[in-house]
């Protein structure tokens, strides 16, 4: 009887340890992926690194219209359309991956926690404002992320998906699909306008 209890306790302790290791891996992996991309761009040459760093800065720090303004800026810098779409998609997918995996933990990280709480507040506002996104589930979240509306984008989409009860995987897939469609359509429209002019 005593050995049985001891074995059960050891099993439970082992499961808790494994869960902690998985949680730490989920916290670190998106940063590692971003670091790998930064290193690849760095080794590709200073010119390429500077172009993609400029695109990242415009996309990340432009408060309104960053998702729309980054396409003409990137094309103007001479980045090929496929490379631009892939870079934007990676940026959004990596951010969404971090949020769907670490939503609760990220709120506790100093500095980052305030940004996550802000994304959560905007996600709640978005769910109230765009009720159709909740009603249509996966497709609704794809459309929500795809169209540059107020309170949309990959971060808000990741939070909104979790708030409406979607699994982390389905939320991430919906955000990635929406970002891919948005980036591709915006690039094609921009290329069409540039060729017309």
N, C-alpha and C. Protein backbone atom coordinates (compact mmCIF):
# COMPACT_ATOMS: atom_id res chain seq x y z
N UNK A 1 0.83 -1.20 0.00
CA UNK A 1 0.00 0.00 0.00
C UNK A 1 0.87 1.27 0.00
N UNK A 2 1.88 1.27 0.86
CA UNK A 2 2.76 2.42 0.97
C UNK A 2 3.58 2.60 -0.32
N UNK A 3 4.04 1.48 -0.89
CA UNK A 3 4.80 1.56 -2.15
C UNK A 3 3.92 2.05 -3.29
N UNK A 4 2.69 1.67 -3.28
CA UNK A 4 1.75 2.09 -4.31
C UNK A 4 1.55 3.61 -4.25
N UNK A 5 1.39 4.15 -3.06
CA UNK A 5 1.22 5.59 -2.86
C UNK A 5 2.50 6.32 -3.30
N UNK A 6 3.64 5.77 -2.91
CA UNK A 6 4.93 6.36 -3.27
C UNK A 6 5.10 6.39 -4.80
N UNK A 7 4.72 5.32 -5.46
CA UNK A 7 4.81 5.25 -6.93
C UNK A 7 3.88 6.28 -7.57
N UNK A 8 2.68 6.41 -7.04
CA UNK A 8 1.73 7.40 -7.56
C UNK A 8 2.26 8.83 -7.41
N UNK A 9 2.84 9.11 -6.25
CA UNK A 9 3.39 10.45 -6.00
C UNK A 9 4.56 10.71 -6.95
N UNK A 10 5.43 9.73 -7.14
CA UNK A 10 6.56 9.91 -8.06
C UNK A 10 6.07 10.15 -9.49
N UNK A 11 5.05 9.43 -9.90
CA UNK A 11 4.49 9.61 -11.24
C UNK A 11 3.92 11.02 -11.41
N UNK A 12 3.21 11.48 -10.39
CA UNK A 12 2.62 12.81 -10.46
C UNK A 12 3.70 13.90 -10.47
N UNK A 13 4.73 13.72 -9.67
CA UNK A 13 5.84 14.68 -9.66
C UNK A 13 6.52 14.71 -11.03
N UNK A 14 6.71 13.55 -11.63
CA UNK A 14 7.32 13.47 -12.96
C UNK A 14 6.46 14.16 -14.01
N UNK A 15 5.15 13.99 -13.94
CA UNK A 15 4.25 14.65 -14.88
C UNK A 15 4.30 16.17 -14.73
N UNK A 16 4.35 16.65 -13.50
CA UNK A 16 4.44 18.09 -13.25
C UNK A 16 5.76 18.63 -13.82
N UNK A 17 6.85 17.90 -13.62
CA UNK A 17 8.16 18.32 -14.14
C UNK A 17 8.12 18.40 -15.66
N UNK A 18 7.51 17.39 -16.30
CA UNK A 18 7.41 17.39 -17.76
C UNK A 18 6.54 18.55 -18.25
N UNK A 19 5.47 18.83 -17.53
CA UNK A 19 4.61 19.95 -17.92
C UNK A 19 5.36 21.28 -17.82
N UNK A 20 6.19 21.43 -16.81
CA UNK A 20 6.99 22.66 -16.67
C UNK A 20 7.99 22.79 -17.80
N UNK A 21 8.63 21.68 -18.17
CA UNK A 21 9.59 21.70 -19.27
C UNK A 21 8.90 22.07 -20.58
N UNK A 22 7.72 21.55 -20.80
CA UNK A 22 6.97 21.88 -22.02
C UNK A 22 6.58 23.36 -22.00
N UNK A 23 6.15 23.85 -20.85
CA UNK A 23 5.76 25.26 -20.75
C UNK A 23 6.95 26.18 -21.03
N UNK A 24 8.12 25.83 -20.51
CA UNK A 24 9.32 26.63 -20.76
C UNK A 24 9.70 26.58 -22.24
N UNK A 25 9.60 25.40 -22.84
CA UNK A 25 9.90 25.27 -24.27
C UNK A 25 8.94 26.12 -25.10
N UNK A 26 7.66 26.12 -24.74
CA UNK A 26 6.68 26.92 -25.48
C UNK A 26 6.94 28.42 -25.32
N UNK A 27 7.49 28.80 -24.18
CA UNK A 27 7.82 30.20 -23.95
C UNK A 27 9.04 30.62 -24.76
N UNK A 28 10.02 29.75 -24.86
CA UNK A 28 11.29 30.08 -25.49
C UNK A 28 11.29 29.88 -27.01
N UNK A 29 10.58 28.88 -27.50
CA UNK A 29 10.65 28.51 -28.92
C UNK A 29 10.35 29.67 -29.88
N UNK A 30 9.31 30.47 -29.69
CA UNK A 30 9.09 31.59 -30.64
C UNK A 30 10.26 32.57 -30.69
N UNK A 31 10.90 32.83 -29.55
CA UNK A 31 12.07 33.72 -29.54
C UNK A 31 13.24 33.08 -30.28
N UNK A 32 13.40 31.78 -30.12
CA UNK A 32 14.47 31.07 -30.84
C UNK A 32 14.24 31.11 -32.34
N UNK A 33 13.00 30.90 -32.76
CA UNK A 33 12.68 30.97 -34.19
C UNK A 33 12.98 32.36 -34.75
N UNK A 34 12.59 33.39 -34.02
CA UNK A 34 12.88 34.76 -34.46
C UNK A 34 14.39 34.99 -34.52
N UNK A 35 15.12 34.47 -33.54
CA UNK A 35 16.57 34.62 -33.54
C UNK A 35 17.22 33.94 -34.73
N UNK A 36 16.71 32.78 -35.11
CA UNK A 36 17.25 32.06 -36.27
C UNK A 36 17.04 32.90 -37.54
N UNK A 37 15.86 33.48 -37.69
CA UNK A 37 15.58 34.30 -38.88
C UNK A 37 16.48 35.53 -38.90
N UNK A 38 16.66 36.17 -37.75
CA UNK A 38 17.55 37.34 -37.68
C UNK A 38 18.97 36.94 -38.08
N UNK A 39 19.44 35.82 -37.57
CA UNK A 39 20.79 35.36 -37.94
C UNK A 39 20.91 35.05 -39.43
N UNK A 40 19.90 34.39 -39.98
CA UNK A 40 19.92 34.08 -41.42
C UNK A 40 19.97 35.37 -42.25
N UNK A 41 19.18 36.35 -41.86
CA UNK A 41 19.21 37.62 -42.59
C UNK A 41 20.54 38.35 -42.40
N UNK A 42 21.11 38.24 -41.22
CA UNK A 42 22.40 38.88 -40.95
C UNK A 42 23.49 38.27 -41.83
N UNK A 43 23.49 36.94 -41.92
CA UNK A 43 24.49 36.27 -42.73
C UNK A 43 24.23 36.42 -44.23
N UNK A 44 23.02 36.80 -44.61
CA UNK A 44 22.70 37.02 -46.02
C UNK A 44 23.29 38.33 -46.53
N UNK A 45 23.71 39.17 -45.64
CA UNK A 45 24.33 40.44 -46.04
C UNK A 45 23.67 41.63 -45.38
N UNK A 46 24.46 42.67 -45.21
CA UNK A 46 23.99 43.88 -44.52
C UNK A 46 22.83 44.53 -45.25
N UNK A 47 22.87 44.54 -46.59
CA UNK A 47 21.81 45.19 -47.36
C UNK A 47 20.46 44.47 -47.15
N UNK A 48 20.49 43.15 -47.24
CA UNK A 48 19.26 42.39 -47.06
C UNK A 48 18.75 42.51 -45.62
N UNK A 49 19.66 42.45 -44.67
CA UNK A 49 19.28 42.58 -43.27
C UNK A 49 18.61 43.93 -43.03
N UNK A 50 19.18 44.99 -43.58
CA UNK A 50 18.64 46.33 -43.40
C UNK A 50 17.25 46.46 -44.01
N UNK A 51 17.06 45.88 -45.20
CA UNK A 51 15.75 45.94 -45.85
C UNK A 51 14.68 45.26 -45.00
N UNK A 52 14.98 44.05 -44.54
CA UNK A 52 13.98 43.33 -43.75
C UNK A 52 13.79 43.95 -42.36
N UNK A 53 14.84 44.53 -41.80
CA UNK A 53 14.70 45.23 -40.52
C UNK A 53 13.80 46.45 -40.68
N UNK A 54 13.92 47.14 -41.81
CA UNK A 54 13.05 48.29 -42.10
C UNK A 54 11.60 47.84 -42.23
N UNK A 55 11.39 46.76 -42.96
CA UNK A 55 10.03 46.22 -43.12
C UNK A 55 9.46 45.84 -41.75
N UNK A 56 10.27 45.16 -40.93
CA UNK A 56 9.80 44.76 -39.60
C UNK A 56 9.45 45.98 -38.76
N UNK A 57 10.26 47.02 -38.83
CA UNK A 57 10.00 48.23 -38.04
C UNK A 57 8.71 48.90 -38.47
N UNK A 58 8.51 49.03 -39.78
CA UNK A 58 7.28 49.65 -40.27
C UNK A 58 6.08 48.81 -39.84
N UNK A 59 6.19 47.52 -40.01
CA UNK A 59 5.08 46.62 -39.73
C UNK A 59 4.73 46.59 -38.24
N UNK A 60 5.74 46.59 -37.41
CA UNK A 60 5.52 46.43 -35.98
C UNK A 60 5.20 47.72 -35.25
N UNK A 61 5.79 48.81 -35.67
CA UNK A 61 5.69 50.02 -34.86
C UNK A 61 4.83 51.12 -35.46
N UNK A 62 4.27 50.88 -36.63
CA UNK A 62 3.35 51.87 -37.20
C UNK A 62 1.98 51.63 -36.58
N UNK A 63 1.47 52.57 -35.78
CA UNK A 63 0.26 52.31 -35.01
C UNK A 63 -0.99 52.04 -35.86
N UNK A 64 -1.13 52.73 -36.96
CA UNK A 64 -2.31 52.55 -37.80
C UNK A 64 -1.85 52.24 -39.22
N UNK A 65 -2.36 51.16 -39.77
CA UNK A 65 -2.07 50.84 -41.16
C UNK A 65 -0.74 50.18 -41.43
N UNK A 66 -0.09 49.67 -40.40
CA UNK A 66 1.21 49.02 -40.60
C UNK A 66 1.13 47.85 -41.55
N UNK A 67 0.04 47.08 -41.44
CA UNK A 67 -0.13 45.92 -42.30
C UNK A 67 -0.32 46.30 -43.76
N UNK A 68 -0.89 47.47 -44.00
CA UNK A 68 -1.12 47.92 -45.36
C UNK A 68 0.08 48.70 -45.89
N UNK A 69 0.70 49.51 -45.06
CA UNK A 69 1.82 50.36 -45.48
C UNK A 69 3.10 49.57 -45.74
N UNK A 70 3.24 48.43 -45.11
CA UNK A 70 4.49 47.69 -45.22
C UNK A 70 4.69 47.09 -46.61
N UNK A 71 3.63 46.76 -47.31
CA UNK A 71 3.75 46.12 -48.63
C UNK A 71 4.40 47.08 -49.64
N UNK A 72 3.85 48.30 -49.84
CA UNK A 72 4.52 49.19 -50.78
C UNK A 72 5.94 49.56 -50.35
N UNK A 73 6.13 49.69 -49.04
CA UNK A 73 7.48 50.02 -48.54
C UNK A 73 8.45 48.89 -48.86
N UNK A 74 8.04 47.65 -48.60
CA UNK A 74 8.92 46.51 -48.88
C UNK A 74 9.20 46.34 -50.36
N UNK A 75 8.18 46.52 -51.19
CA UNK A 75 8.39 46.43 -52.64
C UNK A 75 9.27 47.57 -53.12
N UNK A 76 9.10 48.74 -52.53
CA UNK A 76 9.94 49.90 -52.88
C UNK A 76 11.40 49.68 -52.51
N UNK A 77 11.64 48.88 -51.48
CA UNK A 77 13.02 48.57 -51.08
C UNK A 77 13.65 47.50 -51.97
N UNK A 78 12.84 46.92 -52.85
CA UNK A 78 13.37 45.91 -53.75
C UNK A 78 13.26 44.48 -53.23
N UNK A 79 12.45 44.28 -52.22
CA UNK A 79 12.24 42.92 -51.71
C UNK A 79 11.28 42.21 -52.66
N UNK A 80 11.61 41.01 -53.10
CA UNK A 80 10.69 40.28 -53.99
C UNK A 80 9.35 40.02 -53.30
N UNK A 81 8.25 40.03 -54.05
CA UNK A 81 6.93 39.84 -53.45
C UNK A 81 6.82 38.56 -52.60
N UNK A 82 7.34 37.44 -53.09
CA UNK A 82 7.25 36.19 -52.33
C UNK A 82 8.02 36.29 -51.02
N UNK A 83 9.18 36.92 -51.05
CA UNK A 83 9.97 37.10 -49.83
C UNK A 83 9.29 38.00 -48.83
N UNK A 84 8.63 39.02 -49.35
CA UNK A 84 7.91 39.96 -48.48
C UNK A 84 6.72 39.27 -47.82
N UNK A 85 5.96 38.52 -48.61
CA UNK A 85 4.81 37.79 -48.06
C UNK A 85 5.29 36.79 -47.02
N UNK A 86 6.35 36.05 -47.33
CA UNK A 86 6.87 35.04 -46.39
C UNK A 86 7.35 35.68 -45.10
N UNK A 87 8.01 36.83 -45.19
CA UNK A 87 8.52 37.49 -44.00
C UNK A 87 7.38 38.00 -43.12
N UNK A 88 6.38 38.62 -43.73
CA UNK A 88 5.23 39.12 -42.97
C UNK A 88 4.49 37.95 -42.34
N UNK A 89 4.32 36.88 -43.12
CA UNK A 89 3.63 35.70 -42.60
C UNK A 89 4.40 35.10 -41.42
N UNK A 90 5.72 35.00 -41.54
CA UNK A 90 6.51 34.47 -40.43
C UNK A 90 6.36 35.34 -39.19
N UNK A 91 6.43 36.64 -39.37
CA UNK A 91 6.31 37.56 -38.23
C UNK A 91 4.98 37.37 -37.52
N UNK A 92 3.89 37.33 -38.29
CA UNK A 92 2.57 37.15 -37.70
C UNK A 92 2.40 35.76 -37.08
N UNK A 93 2.87 34.73 -37.79
CA UNK A 93 2.73 33.37 -37.29
C UNK A 93 3.51 33.17 -35.99
N UNK A 94 4.69 33.76 -35.91
CA UNK A 94 5.50 33.61 -34.71
C UNK A 94 4.88 34.34 -33.52
N UNK A 95 4.35 35.54 -33.76
CA UNK A 95 3.67 36.28 -32.69
C UNK A 95 2.43 35.52 -32.22
N UNK A 96 1.65 35.02 -33.18
CA UNK A 96 0.44 34.26 -32.83
C UNK A 96 0.79 32.99 -32.07
N UNK A 97 1.87 32.32 -32.48
CA UNK A 97 2.31 31.11 -31.79
C UNK A 97 2.66 31.42 -30.33
N UNK A 98 3.39 32.50 -30.12
CA UNK A 98 3.74 32.90 -28.76
C UNK A 98 2.49 33.15 -27.93
N UNK A 99 1.53 33.87 -28.51
CA UNK A 99 0.34 34.22 -27.74
C UNK A 99 -0.58 33.04 -27.48
N UNK A 100 -0.78 32.16 -28.46
CA UNK A 100 -1.69 31.04 -28.20
C UNK A 100 -1.08 30.05 -27.22
N UNK A 101 0.24 29.93 -27.22
CA UNK A 101 0.88 29.01 -26.28
C UNK A 101 1.04 29.62 -24.89
N UNK A 102 1.27 30.92 -24.81
CA UNK A 102 1.69 31.54 -23.55
C UNK A 102 0.79 32.65 -23.09
N UNK A 103 -0.45 32.63 -23.49
CA UNK A 103 -1.37 33.73 -23.19
C UNK A 103 -1.39 34.05 -21.70
N UNK A 104 -1.58 33.04 -20.87
CA UNK A 104 -1.68 33.28 -19.42
C UNK A 104 -0.33 33.62 -18.79
N UNK A 105 0.73 32.95 -19.24
CA UNK A 105 2.06 33.22 -18.69
C UNK A 105 2.57 34.59 -19.10
N UNK A 106 2.30 34.98 -20.34
CA UNK A 106 2.83 36.23 -20.87
C UNK A 106 2.32 37.44 -20.09
N UNK A 107 1.13 37.33 -19.53
CA UNK A 107 0.59 38.44 -18.75
C UNK A 107 1.40 38.70 -17.47
N UNK A 108 2.13 37.70 -17.03
CA UNK A 108 2.89 37.82 -15.78
C UNK A 108 4.31 38.33 -16.01
N UNK A 109 4.76 38.41 -17.27
CA UNK A 109 6.11 38.86 -17.57
C UNK A 109 6.16 40.38 -17.52
N UNK A 110 7.07 40.95 -16.70
CA UNK A 110 7.14 42.42 -16.60
C UNK A 110 7.37 43.07 -17.97
N UNK A 111 6.64 44.13 -18.24
CA UNK A 111 6.76 44.83 -19.52
C UNK A 111 5.89 44.20 -20.59
N UNK A 112 6.14 42.94 -20.87
CA UNK A 112 5.37 42.22 -21.88
C UNK A 112 3.94 42.00 -21.42
N UNK A 113 3.75 41.83 -20.13
CA UNK A 113 2.42 41.59 -19.57
C UNK A 113 1.43 42.70 -19.90
N UNK A 114 1.89 43.95 -19.87
CA UNK A 114 1.00 45.07 -20.18
C UNK A 114 0.56 45.03 -21.64
N UNK A 115 1.48 44.65 -22.53
CA UNK A 115 1.12 44.57 -23.95
C UNK A 115 0.11 43.44 -24.18
N UNK A 116 0.30 42.32 -23.49
CA UNK A 116 -0.62 41.19 -23.64
C UNK A 116 -1.99 41.55 -23.07
N UNK A 117 -2.00 42.24 -21.93
CA UNK A 117 -3.27 42.68 -21.36
C UNK A 117 -3.99 43.66 -22.29
N UNK A 118 -3.22 44.53 -22.94
CA UNK A 118 -3.80 45.45 -23.92
C UNK A 118 -4.38 44.68 -25.10
N UNK A 119 -3.66 43.66 -25.57
CA UNK A 119 -4.16 42.82 -26.66
C UNK A 119 -5.42 42.08 -26.22
N UNK A 120 -5.46 41.66 -24.96
CA UNK A 120 -6.65 40.98 -24.45
C UNK A 120 -7.85 41.93 -24.42
N UNK A 121 -7.62 43.16 -23.96
CA UNK A 121 -8.70 44.14 -23.93
C UNK A 121 -9.21 44.42 -25.34
N UNK A 122 -8.27 44.58 -26.30
CA UNK A 122 -8.67 44.82 -27.68
C UNK A 122 -9.36 43.59 -28.27
N UNK A 123 -8.93 42.41 -27.86
CA UNK A 123 -9.60 41.18 -28.32
C UNK A 123 -11.04 41.11 -27.83
N UNK A 124 -11.24 41.50 -26.57
CA UNK A 124 -12.60 41.52 -26.03
C UNK A 124 -13.47 42.56 -26.75
N UNK A 125 -12.88 43.73 -27.03
CA UNK A 125 -13.61 44.76 -27.78
C UNK A 125 -13.96 44.25 -29.18
N UNK A 126 -13.00 43.56 -29.78
CA UNK A 126 -13.22 43.06 -31.15
C UNK A 126 -14.33 42.02 -31.18
N UNK A 127 -14.36 41.15 -30.18
CA UNK A 127 -15.41 40.13 -30.12
C UNK A 127 -16.78 40.78 -29.98
N UNK A 128 -16.85 41.85 -29.17
CA UNK A 128 -18.11 42.56 -29.00
C UNK A 128 -18.50 43.31 -30.27
N UNK A 129 -17.51 43.91 -30.92
CA UNK A 129 -17.80 44.72 -32.10
C UNK A 129 -18.08 43.86 -33.33
N UNK A 130 -17.32 42.80 -33.52
CA UNK A 130 -17.46 41.94 -34.70
C UNK A 130 -18.00 40.58 -34.27
N UNK A 131 -19.25 40.57 -33.86
CA UNK A 131 -19.87 39.34 -33.35
C UNK A 131 -19.92 38.24 -34.40
N UNK A 132 -19.93 38.62 -35.68
CA UNK A 132 -19.96 37.63 -36.74
C UNK A 132 -18.72 36.73 -36.71
N UNK A 133 -17.59 37.25 -36.27
CA UNK A 133 -16.36 36.45 -36.23
C UNK A 133 -16.53 35.28 -35.26
N UNK A 134 -17.17 35.53 -34.13
CA UNK A 134 -17.41 34.46 -33.16
C UNK A 134 -18.41 33.44 -33.70
N UNK A 135 -19.43 33.94 -34.36
CA UNK A 135 -20.49 33.07 -34.88
C UNK A 135 -19.95 32.11 -35.95
N UNK A 136 -19.02 32.58 -36.79
CA UNK A 136 -18.49 31.75 -37.87
C UNK A 136 -17.25 30.95 -37.47
N UNK A 137 -16.80 31.06 -36.23
CA UNK A 137 -15.70 30.26 -35.72
C UNK A 137 -14.41 30.43 -36.50
N UNK A 138 -13.88 29.33 -37.03
CA UNK A 138 -12.59 29.33 -37.73
C UNK A 138 -12.61 30.30 -38.90
N UNK A 139 -13.61 30.20 -39.76
CA UNK A 139 -13.70 31.07 -40.94
C UNK A 139 -13.86 32.52 -40.51
N UNK A 140 -14.63 32.74 -39.48
CA UNK A 140 -14.80 34.10 -38.97
C UNK A 140 -13.49 34.70 -38.48
N UNK A 141 -12.69 33.88 -37.81
CA UNK A 141 -11.40 34.38 -37.32
C UNK A 141 -10.45 34.65 -38.48
N UNK A 142 -10.47 33.79 -39.51
CA UNK A 142 -9.64 34.03 -40.70
C UNK A 142 -10.02 35.37 -41.32
N UNK A 143 -11.31 35.61 -41.51
CA UNK A 143 -11.77 36.87 -42.11
C UNK A 143 -11.45 38.06 -41.20
N UNK A 144 -11.60 37.85 -39.91
CA UNK A 144 -11.30 38.90 -38.92
C UNK A 144 -9.85 39.35 -39.03
N UNK A 145 -8.94 38.39 -39.16
CA UNK A 145 -7.51 38.71 -39.26
C UNK A 145 -7.18 39.26 -40.65
N UNK A 146 -7.87 38.76 -41.65
CA UNK A 146 -7.57 39.10 -43.04
C UNK A 146 -7.83 40.56 -43.38
N UNK A 147 -8.96 41.08 -42.92
CA UNK A 147 -9.33 42.44 -43.29
C UNK A 147 -8.81 43.43 -42.26
N UNK A 148 -8.15 44.49 -42.73
CA UNK A 148 -7.57 45.47 -41.80
C UNK A 148 -8.63 46.37 -41.18
N UNK A 149 -9.36 45.82 -40.22
CA UNK A 149 -10.37 46.57 -39.49
C UNK A 149 -9.77 47.08 -38.18
N UNK A 150 -10.54 47.88 -37.46
CA UNK A 150 -10.08 48.30 -36.14
C UNK A 150 -10.07 47.08 -35.22
N UNK A 151 -9.08 46.95 -34.39
CA UNK A 151 -8.91 45.83 -33.45
C UNK A 151 -8.69 44.50 -34.19
N UNK A 152 -7.93 44.49 -35.24
CA UNK A 152 -7.64 43.23 -35.91
C UNK A 152 -6.13 43.05 -36.02
N UNK A 153 -5.73 41.96 -36.61
CA UNK A 153 -4.33 41.64 -36.77
C UNK A 153 -4.01 40.32 -36.09
N UNK A 154 -2.76 39.91 -36.20
CA UNK A 154 -2.39 38.59 -35.69
C UNK A 154 -2.46 38.50 -34.16
N UNK A 155 -1.99 39.52 -33.47
CA UNK A 155 -2.00 39.47 -32.00
C UNK A 155 -3.43 39.47 -31.47
N UNK A 156 -4.24 40.38 -31.97
CA UNK A 156 -5.63 40.46 -31.52
C UNK A 156 -6.39 39.21 -31.96
N UNK A 157 -6.10 38.72 -33.16
CA UNK A 157 -6.74 37.50 -33.64
C UNK A 157 -6.41 36.30 -32.78
N UNK A 158 -5.14 36.19 -32.37
CA UNK A 158 -4.73 35.07 -31.50
C UNK A 158 -5.46 35.14 -30.16
N UNK A 159 -5.54 36.33 -29.61
CA UNK A 159 -6.23 36.49 -28.32
C UNK A 159 -7.72 36.25 -28.49
N UNK A 160 -8.31 36.81 -29.54
CA UNK A 160 -9.75 36.65 -29.76
C UNK A 160 -10.11 35.18 -29.96
N UNK A 161 -9.29 34.46 -30.71
CA UNK A 161 -9.55 33.03 -30.91
C UNK A 161 -9.57 32.26 -29.61
N UNK A 162 -8.63 32.58 -28.73
CA UNK A 162 -8.60 31.91 -27.43
C UNK A 162 -9.79 32.33 -26.58
N UNK A 163 -10.18 33.60 -26.65
CA UNK A 163 -11.30 34.07 -25.84
C UNK A 163 -12.64 33.46 -26.27
N UNK A 164 -12.77 33.13 -27.56
CA UNK A 164 -14.04 32.54 -28.01
C UNK A 164 -14.03 31.02 -27.86
N UNK A 165 -12.94 30.47 -27.32
CA UNK A 165 -12.91 29.05 -27.00
C UNK A 165 -12.28 28.14 -28.03
N UNK A 166 -11.62 28.70 -29.03
CA UNK A 166 -10.94 27.86 -30.01
C UNK A 166 -9.67 27.26 -29.40
N UNK A 167 -9.29 26.10 -29.87
CA UNK A 167 -8.06 25.47 -29.38
C UNK A 167 -6.86 26.28 -29.86
N UNK A 168 -5.73 26.14 -29.19
CA UNK A 168 -4.53 26.87 -29.64
C UNK A 168 -4.17 26.57 -31.10
N UNK A 169 -4.24 25.30 -31.50
CA UNK A 169 -3.88 24.95 -32.88
C UNK A 169 -4.82 25.58 -33.89
N UNK A 170 -6.12 25.48 -33.65
CA UNK A 170 -7.09 26.05 -34.59
C UNK A 170 -6.98 27.58 -34.62
N UNK A 171 -6.73 28.18 -33.49
CA UNK A 171 -6.55 29.64 -33.44
C UNK A 171 -5.33 30.03 -34.27
N UNK A 172 -4.23 29.32 -34.06
CA UNK A 172 -2.99 29.63 -34.78
C UNK A 172 -3.18 29.44 -36.28
N UNK A 173 -3.82 28.35 -36.69
CA UNK A 173 -4.05 28.09 -38.11
C UNK A 173 -4.94 29.18 -38.74
N UNK A 174 -5.97 29.60 -38.01
CA UNK A 174 -6.85 30.65 -38.53
C UNK A 174 -6.09 31.97 -38.68
N UNK A 175 -5.27 32.30 -37.71
CA UNK A 175 -4.49 33.54 -37.78
C UNK A 175 -3.50 33.47 -38.95
N UNK A 176 -2.82 32.35 -39.10
CA UNK A 176 -1.86 32.20 -40.20
C UNK A 176 -2.57 32.30 -41.55
N UNK A 177 -3.70 31.63 -41.68
CA UNK A 177 -4.45 31.69 -42.95
C UNK A 177 -4.90 33.12 -43.24
N UNK A 178 -5.42 33.82 -42.24
CA UNK A 178 -5.86 35.20 -42.43
C UNK A 178 -4.70 36.12 -42.81
N UNK A 179 -3.57 35.95 -42.14
CA UNK A 179 -2.39 36.78 -42.44
C UNK A 179 -1.86 36.49 -43.84
N UNK A 180 -1.84 35.21 -44.23
CA UNK A 180 -1.38 34.86 -45.57
C UNK A 180 -2.28 35.48 -46.63
N UNK A 181 -3.58 35.35 -46.46
CA UNK A 181 -4.51 35.92 -47.43
C UNK A 181 -4.40 37.44 -47.49
N UNK A 182 -4.31 38.08 -46.34
CA UNK A 182 -4.19 39.54 -46.29
C UNK A 182 -2.91 40.00 -46.98
N UNK A 183 -1.78 39.37 -46.66
CA UNK A 183 -0.50 39.78 -47.23
C UNK A 183 -0.46 39.53 -48.73
N UNK A 184 -0.98 38.39 -49.16
CA UNK A 184 -0.97 38.06 -50.58
C UNK A 184 -1.86 39.00 -51.37
N UNK A 185 -3.08 39.23 -50.89
CA UNK A 185 -3.98 40.15 -51.59
C UNK A 185 -3.43 41.58 -51.62
N UNK A 186 -2.89 42.04 -50.51
CA UNK A 186 -2.34 43.39 -50.47
C UNK A 186 -1.15 43.52 -51.43
N UNK A 187 -0.33 42.48 -51.50
CA UNK A 187 0.82 42.51 -52.41
C UNK A 187 0.35 42.51 -53.86
N UNK A 188 -0.63 41.66 -54.18
CA UNK A 188 -1.13 41.62 -55.55
C UNK A 188 -1.79 42.94 -55.96
N UNK A 189 -2.54 43.52 -55.05
CA UNK A 189 -3.16 44.83 -55.34
C UNK A 189 -2.08 45.89 -55.55
N UNK A 190 -1.09 45.90 -54.69
CA UNK A 190 -0.01 46.87 -54.81
C UNK A 190 0.76 46.70 -56.12
N UNK A 191 1.05 45.44 -56.48
CA UNK A 191 1.74 45.18 -57.74
C UNK A 191 0.87 45.61 -58.93
N UNK A 192 -0.44 45.37 -58.83
CA UNK A 192 -1.35 45.80 -59.90
C UNK A 192 -1.38 47.30 -60.05
N UNK A 193 -1.42 48.01 -58.93
CA UNK A 193 -1.43 49.48 -58.98
C UNK A 193 -0.11 49.98 -59.54
N UNK A 194 1.01 49.40 -59.11
CA UNK A 194 2.31 49.84 -59.61
C UNK A 194 2.46 49.57 -61.10
N UNK A 195 1.97 48.43 -61.58
CA UNK A 195 2.07 48.15 -63.01
C UNK A 195 1.13 49.04 -63.82
N UNK A 196 0.01 49.43 -63.23
CA UNK A 196 -0.91 50.33 -63.91
C UNK A 196 -0.33 51.72 -64.06
N UNK A 197 0.38 52.16 -63.03
CA UNK A 197 0.99 53.50 -63.06
C UNK A 197 2.21 53.46 -63.95
